[in-house]
N, C-alpha and C. Protein backbone atom coordinates (compact mmCIF):
# COMPACT_ATOMS: atom_id res chain seq x y z
N MET A 1 104.53 106.87 38.35
CA MET A 1 103.14 107.46 37.99
C MET A 1 103.19 108.78 37.60
N SER A 2 104.38 109.50 37.81
CA SER A 2 104.59 110.93 37.55
C SER A 2 104.63 111.10 35.96
N ASP A 3 105.26 110.39 35.16
CA ASP A 3 105.31 110.30 33.81
C ASP A 3 103.94 110.20 33.22
N TRP A 4 103.32 109.11 33.63
CA TRP A 4 101.87 108.85 33.12
C TRP A 4 100.96 109.97 33.42
N TYR A 5 101.09 110.53 34.69
CA TYR A 5 100.11 111.54 35.13
C TYR A 5 100.28 112.89 34.26
N ASP A 6 101.54 113.17 34.12
CA ASP A 6 101.81 114.22 33.29
C ASP A 6 101.40 114.25 31.91
N ARG A 7 101.53 112.99 31.28
CA ARG A 7 100.89 112.81 30.02
C ARG A 7 99.38 112.93 29.98
N LEU A 8 98.74 112.43 31.02
CA LEU A 8 97.25 112.54 31.16
C LEU A 8 96.83 113.91 31.24
N VAL A 9 97.52 114.68 32.12
CA VAL A 9 97.19 116.03 32.11
C VAL A 9 97.45 116.94 30.85
N SER A 10 98.52 116.52 30.27
CA SER A 10 98.76 117.24 28.88
C SER A 10 97.64 116.95 27.83
N ARG A 11 97.13 115.69 27.92
CA ARG A 11 96.03 115.40 27.00
C ARG A 11 94.59 115.87 27.41
N HIS A 12 94.39 115.86 28.85
CA HIS A 12 93.06 116.31 29.09
C HIS A 12 92.99 117.43 29.94
N GLY A 13 94.09 118.05 30.38
CA GLY A 13 93.99 119.37 31.08
C GLY A 13 93.31 119.36 32.42
N ASP A 14 92.28 120.22 32.73
CA ASP A 14 91.68 120.40 33.85
C ASP A 14 90.74 119.20 34.19
N ALA A 15 90.39 118.37 33.23
CA ALA A 15 89.40 117.20 33.44
C ALA A 15 90.20 116.26 34.46
N ILE A 16 91.42 116.29 34.64
CA ILE A 16 92.28 115.32 35.50
C ILE A 16 92.39 115.79 36.97
N PRO A 17 91.98 115.02 37.95
CA PRO A 17 92.09 115.32 39.35
C PRO A 17 93.44 115.34 39.68
N ALA A 18 93.74 115.91 40.95
CA ALA A 18 95.17 115.82 41.38
C ALA A 18 95.86 114.40 41.44
N ALA A 19 97.09 114.24 41.40
CA ALA A 19 97.72 113.02 41.33
C ALA A 19 97.31 112.21 42.50
N GLU A 20 97.25 112.87 43.59
CA GLU A 20 96.98 112.04 44.84
C GLU A 20 95.50 111.38 44.81
N ASP A 21 94.80 111.98 44.02
CA ASP A 21 93.36 111.48 43.91
C ASP A 21 93.19 110.37 43.05
N LEU A 22 94.29 109.97 42.15
CA LEU A 22 94.34 108.66 41.35
C LEU A 22 95.18 107.72 41.97
N GLN A 23 94.65 106.95 42.74
CA GLN A 23 95.34 105.71 43.53
C GLN A 23 94.92 104.38 43.00
N ILE A 24 95.81 104.03 42.05
CA ILE A 24 95.48 102.76 41.23
C ILE A 24 96.86 102.12 40.99
N ARG A 25 96.68 100.87 40.72
CA ARG A 25 98.00 100.08 40.28
C ARG A 25 98.40 100.59 38.84
N PRO A 26 99.57 100.52 38.64
CA PRO A 26 100.17 100.84 37.25
C PRO A 26 99.44 100.07 36.05
N ASN A 27 99.11 98.91 36.27
CA ASN A 27 98.57 98.07 35.23
C ASN A 27 97.22 98.64 34.78
N LEU A 28 96.58 99.54 35.65
CA LEU A 28 95.15 100.01 35.41
C LEU A 28 95.30 101.39 34.75
N GLN A 29 96.35 101.98 34.63
CA GLN A 29 96.68 103.26 34.03
C GLN A 29 96.03 103.34 32.57
N PRO A 30 96.13 102.24 31.75
CA PRO A 30 95.62 102.49 30.33
C PRO A 30 94.25 102.54 30.37
N ILE A 31 93.53 101.88 31.21
CA ILE A 31 92.15 101.78 31.36
C ILE A 31 91.66 103.37 31.64
N VAL A 32 92.40 103.86 32.58
CA VAL A 32 91.99 105.32 33.11
C VAL A 32 92.20 106.27 31.86
N ASP A 33 93.38 106.02 31.25
CA ASP A 33 93.52 106.92 29.88
C ASP A 33 92.27 106.60 29.09
N GLU A 34 91.82 105.58 28.82
CA GLU A 34 90.62 105.31 27.97
C GLU A 34 89.44 106.02 28.49
N LEU A 35 89.26 105.86 29.79
CA LEU A 35 88.14 106.60 30.55
C LEU A 35 87.97 107.96 30.31
N PHE A 36 89.13 108.79 30.42
CA PHE A 36 89.17 110.20 30.18
C PHE A 36 88.84 110.58 28.82
N ALA A 37 89.45 109.73 27.82
CA ALA A 37 89.11 110.03 26.50
C ALA A 37 87.68 109.75 26.14
N ALA A 38 87.13 108.71 26.72
CA ALA A 38 85.57 108.58 26.49
C ALA A 38 84.75 109.48 27.06
N LEU A 39 85.24 110.17 28.16
CA LEU A 39 84.44 111.23 28.81
C LEU A 39 84.70 112.64 28.18
N SER A 40 85.67 112.79 27.37
CA SER A 40 86.02 113.99 26.76
C SER A 40 84.72 114.57 26.02
N GLY A 41 84.36 115.82 26.09
CA GLY A 41 83.22 116.31 25.60
C GLY A 41 81.90 116.34 26.26
N TYR A 42 81.90 115.55 27.34
CA TYR A 42 80.79 115.54 28.27
C TYR A 42 80.99 116.39 29.57
N ARG A 43 79.90 116.95 30.12
CA ARG A 43 80.09 117.74 31.27
C ARG A 43 80.00 117.04 32.50
N VAL A 44 81.19 116.32 32.79
CA VAL A 44 81.31 115.42 33.95
C VAL A 44 82.61 115.88 34.50
N ARG A 45 82.76 115.73 35.91
CA ARG A 45 83.94 115.97 36.79
C ARG A 45 84.35 114.82 37.47
N VAL A 46 85.46 114.22 37.21
CA VAL A 46 86.00 113.08 38.00
C VAL A 46 86.83 113.61 39.19
N TYR A 47 86.41 113.25 40.33
CA TYR A 47 87.23 113.77 41.54
C TYR A 47 88.28 112.92 42.09
N GLY A 48 88.24 111.58 41.62
CA GLY A 48 89.11 110.73 42.01
C GLY A 48 88.93 109.35 41.53
N ILE A 49 89.85 108.48 41.43
CA ILE A 49 89.85 107.11 41.15
C ILE A 49 90.52 106.28 42.20
N THR A 50 90.12 105.48 43.07
CA THR A 50 90.69 105.00 44.11
C THR A 50 90.50 103.61 44.22
N GLU A 51 91.73 102.82 44.24
CA GLU A 51 91.62 101.46 44.47
C GLU A 51 91.64 100.96 45.88
N ARG A 52 90.51 100.57 46.54
CA ARG A 52 90.43 100.25 47.88
C ARG A 52 90.95 98.83 48.28
N ASP A 53 90.89 97.98 47.49
CA ASP A 53 91.47 96.68 47.51
C ASP A 53 91.62 96.19 46.06
N GLU A 54 92.48 95.16 45.86
CA GLU A 54 92.66 94.71 44.62
C GLU A 54 91.32 94.14 43.96
N GLY A 55 90.87 94.77 43.03
CA GLY A 55 89.50 94.31 42.46
C GLY A 55 88.47 95.24 42.81
N LEU A 56 88.79 96.20 43.67
CA LEU A 56 87.76 97.13 44.06
C LEU A 56 88.18 98.58 43.84
N VAL A 57 87.74 99.10 42.65
CA VAL A 57 88.23 100.45 42.27
C VAL A 57 86.99 101.33 42.27
N VAL A 58 86.95 102.55 42.79
CA VAL A 58 85.88 103.40 42.87
C VAL A 58 86.26 104.58 42.10
N ILE A 59 85.30 104.88 41.16
CA ILE A 59 85.31 106.31 40.51
C ILE A 59 84.45 107.22 41.08
N ASP A 60 84.97 108.30 41.53
CA ASP A 60 84.17 109.48 42.07
C ASP A 60 83.98 110.59 41.20
N ALA A 61 82.82 110.54 40.50
CA ALA A 61 82.44 111.57 39.52
C ALA A 61 81.17 112.22 39.77
N ARG A 62 80.93 113.39 39.18
CA ARG A 62 79.81 114.10 39.28
C ARG A 62 79.43 114.68 37.89
N VAL A 63 78.25 114.50 37.38
CA VAL A 63 77.82 114.76 36.12
C VAL A 63 77.00 116.18 36.39
N SER A 64 77.15 117.12 35.37
CA SER A 64 76.59 118.39 35.42
C SER A 64 75.18 118.36 35.50
N ASP A 65 74.52 119.15 36.18
CA ASP A 65 72.94 119.16 36.19
C ASP A 65 72.40 119.77 34.90
N ASP A 66 73.25 120.48 34.06
CA ASP A 66 72.70 121.17 32.92
C ASP A 66 72.89 120.42 31.65
N ILE A 67 73.18 119.00 31.61
CA ILE A 67 73.41 118.39 30.56
C ILE A 67 72.08 117.70 30.07
N THR A 68 71.99 117.35 28.76
CA THR A 68 70.73 116.71 28.29
C THR A 68 70.56 115.24 28.96
N ALA A 69 69.36 114.68 29.06
CA ALA A 69 69.19 113.41 29.51
C ALA A 69 69.85 112.42 28.69
N ALA A 70 69.98 112.56 27.44
CA ALA A 70 70.72 111.48 26.55
C ALA A 70 72.35 111.52 26.91
N ASP A 71 72.81 112.82 27.12
CA ASP A 71 74.30 112.80 27.59
C ASP A 71 74.47 112.24 29.07
N LYS A 72 73.50 112.47 29.89
CA LYS A 72 73.64 111.96 31.23
C LYS A 72 73.54 110.29 31.15
N THR A 73 72.77 109.89 30.37
CA THR A 73 72.67 108.47 30.20
C THR A 73 73.92 108.05 29.65
N ALA A 74 74.60 108.57 28.55
CA ALA A 74 75.69 108.19 27.96
C ALA A 74 76.88 108.18 28.88
N VAL A 75 77.06 109.18 29.89
CA VAL A 75 77.98 109.39 30.80
C VAL A 75 78.02 108.28 31.82
N TYR A 76 76.73 107.98 32.33
CA TYR A 76 76.40 107.04 33.35
C TYR A 76 76.85 105.49 32.74
N ALA A 77 76.65 105.26 31.35
CA ALA A 77 77.01 104.04 30.83
C ALA A 77 78.54 104.03 30.64
N ILE A 78 79.22 105.08 30.25
CA ILE A 78 80.66 105.05 30.26
C ILE A 78 81.24 104.90 31.72
N LEU A 79 80.91 105.52 32.62
CA LEU A 79 81.25 105.23 34.02
C LEU A 79 81.03 103.84 34.40
N GLU A 80 80.04 103.28 34.14
CA GLU A 80 79.71 101.94 34.44
C GLU A 80 80.63 100.89 33.83
N GLU A 81 80.74 101.06 32.43
CA GLU A 81 81.61 100.32 31.69
C GLU A 81 83.09 100.30 32.28
N TYR A 82 83.55 101.45 32.42
CA TYR A 82 84.97 101.58 32.94
C TYR A 82 85.13 101.15 34.34
N GLN A 83 83.98 101.46 35.28
CA GLN A 83 84.17 100.83 36.61
C GLN A 83 84.25 99.32 36.58
N GLU A 84 83.46 98.55 35.65
CA GLU A 84 83.62 97.19 35.57
C GLU A 84 84.98 96.78 35.09
N ARG A 85 85.56 97.49 34.15
CA ARG A 85 86.79 97.19 33.51
C ARG A 85 87.92 97.29 34.64
N LEU A 86 87.79 98.36 35.39
CA LEU A 86 88.86 98.53 36.47
C LEU A 86 88.77 97.52 37.59
N ASN A 87 87.63 96.96 37.72
CA ASN A 87 87.37 95.93 38.80
C ASN A 87 87.61 94.53 38.20
N ASP A 88 87.90 94.28 37.08
CA ASP A 88 88.18 92.90 36.53
C ASP A 88 89.52 92.42 36.97
């Protein structure tokens, strides 16, 4: 996970939570890469992504209060889409 995490941080910087807060199977890593790319440019903070059981992944994210309603809707749609993909 270290190499993948380092690459993720190099691409997305401070948007990435601490490594210990990304507890997922390696086969889910590409989806998480795509998630952070999709969220880029929005005011949202991901605090963690945790796989509680196989097929049950939880994304802990907070949307900034000062974004537009349209951006908030877009962020929630992105989070929902990737939550479903991570849980397939």
